[in-house]
Amino acid sequence: MRWLLAVALVPFSLAANAGNFAFTDMRGLTGNDTGGVIQWTPEIDHVYEAIAAQHCARWHRIALITSAHRWYGDFIGFKCLFDRGYDPRKAWLSGYR
């Protein structure tokens, strides 16, 4: 009976993570909750804004691109900023940390 429950829960856990595969392979990204850098390549040139936005969304922040040097060996820099309407007290009380 236990193995039947385990077999039934595995597809649900895989389906719950199905939407998280868009930019999970971010090898050229280094950063934390205040911002980061993305290694520039021609493949990244069209999606670096989305990569930065997804990275900052982990901390409920928005991404601001600060520098974009488009040549090999250089990086695209970004900052993670709070939204203008963000109120820390309201966010803490509602559980939106």
Protein backbone atom coordinates (compact mmCIF):
# COMPACT_ATOMS: atom_id res chain seq x y z
CA MET A 1 0.00 0.00 0.00
CA ARG A 2 2.86 2.40 0.78
CA TRP A 3 4.55 1.81 -2.54
CA LEU A 4 1.28 2.58 -4.33
CA LEU A 5 1.13 5.94 -2.57
CA ALA A 6 4.76 6.64 -3.49
CA VAL A 7 4.12 5.71 -7.13
CA ALA A 8 1.07 7.98 -7.21
CA LEU A 9 2.95 10.99 -5.76
CA VAL A 10 5.95 10.88 -8.12
CA PRO A 11 4.06 12.12 -11.24
CA PHE A 12 2.51 14.95 -9.23
CA SER A 13 5.88 16.12 -7.94
CA LEU A 14 7.33 16.04 -11.47
CA ALA A 15 4.35 17.95 -12.85
CA ALA A 16 4.67 20.60 -10.14
CA ASN A 17 8.23 21.36 -11.28
CA ALA A 18 7.44 21.27 -15.01
CA GLY A 19 7.13 25.05 -15.29
CA ASN A 20 10.53 25.71 -13.73
CA PHE A 21 12.64 24.49 -16.66
CA ALA A 22 12.62 27.72 -18.73
CA PHE A 23 15.96 29.18 -17.58
CA THR A 24 17.17 26.62 -15.05
CA ASP A 25 20.37 26.06 -17.02
CA MET A 26 21.99 29.42 -16.28
CA ARG A 27 25.67 28.54 -16.41
CA GLY A 28 26.86 32.06 -17.15
CA LEU A 29 24.93 33.68 -14.29
CA THR A 30 26.52 34.72 -11.00
CA GLY A 31 24.62 36.74 -8.44
CA ASN A 32 22.65 37.08 -5.24
CA ASP A 33 19.67 39.08 -3.97
CA THR A 34 21.24 42.46 -4.80
CA GLY A 35 22.15 41.72 -8.43
CA GLY A 36 24.66 39.87 -10.53
CA VAL A 37 26.37 39.36 -13.86
CA ILE A 38 25.59 37.24 -16.90
CA GLN A 39 28.36 36.08 -19.19
CA TRP A 40 27.71 37.44 -22.70
CA THR A 41 27.38 35.11 -25.67
CA PRO A 42 25.48 35.58 -28.95
CA GLU A 43 22.89 33.04 -27.73
CA ILE A 44 22.24 35.08 -24.57
CA ASP A 45 21.90 38.39 -26.43
CA HIS A 46 18.14 38.07 -26.94
CA VAL A 47 17.18 36.61 -23.55
CA TYR A 48 19.48 38.21 -20.98
CA GLU A 49 16.72 40.52 -19.73
CA ALA A 50 14.44 37.55 -19.05
CA ILE A 51 17.26 35.70 -17.29
CA ALA A 52 17.94 38.67 -15.02
CA ALA A 53 14.21 39.10 -14.33
CA GLN A 54 13.82 35.46 -13.37
CA HIS A 55 16.86 35.61 -11.11
CA CYS A 56 15.54 38.69 -9.25
CA ALA A 57 12.04 37.25 -9.03
CA ARG A 58 13.33 34.70 -6.53
CA TRP A 59 13.49 37.54 -3.98
CA HIS A 60 10.33 39.34 -5.21
CA ARG A 61 12.36 42.08 -6.86
CA ILE A 62 12.64 43.55 -10.34
CA ALA A 63 15.76 43.55 -12.51
CA LEU A 64 17.53 46.65 -13.79
CA ILE A 65 20.23 46.13 -16.42
CA THR A 66 23.18 48.37 -15.52
CA SER A 67 25.69 47.46 -18.23
CA ALA A 68 25.58 45.41 -21.41
CA HIS A 69 28.94 45.06 -23.17
CA ARG A 70 28.40 42.84 -26.17
CA TRP A 71 31.70 41.11 -26.80
CA TYR A 72 33.21 37.81 -25.73
CA GLY A 73 34.82 37.76 -22.32
CA ASP A 74 32.64 40.53 -20.92
CA PHE A 75 29.51 40.51 -18.81
CA ILE A 76 26.03 41.98 -18.60
CA GLY A 77 25.51 43.52 -15.16
CA PHE A 78 22.17 43.91 -13.40
CA LYS A 79 20.74 45.02 -10.06
CA CYS A 80 17.75 43.58 -8.21
CA LEU A 81 15.58 46.40 -6.86
CA PHE A 82 12.38 46.49 -4.85
CA ASP A 83 9.27 47.74 -6.61
CA ARG A 84 8.31 51.34 -5.80
CA GLY A 85 5.12 50.20 -4.10
CA TYR A 86 6.93 47.74 -1.84
CA ASP A 87 6.23 48.24 1.86
CA PRO A 88 8.35 46.00 4.13
CA ARG A 89 5.86 46.06 7.00
CA LYS A 90 2.94 45.02 4.81
CA ALA A 91 5.05 42.37 3.12
CA TRP A 92 6.15 40.92 6.44
CA LEU A 93 2.60 40.80 7.80
CA SER A 94 1.23 39.12 4.68
CA GLY A 95 4.04 36.55 4.47
CA TYR A 96 5.36 38.03 1.19
CA ARG A 97 9.07 38.00 2.06
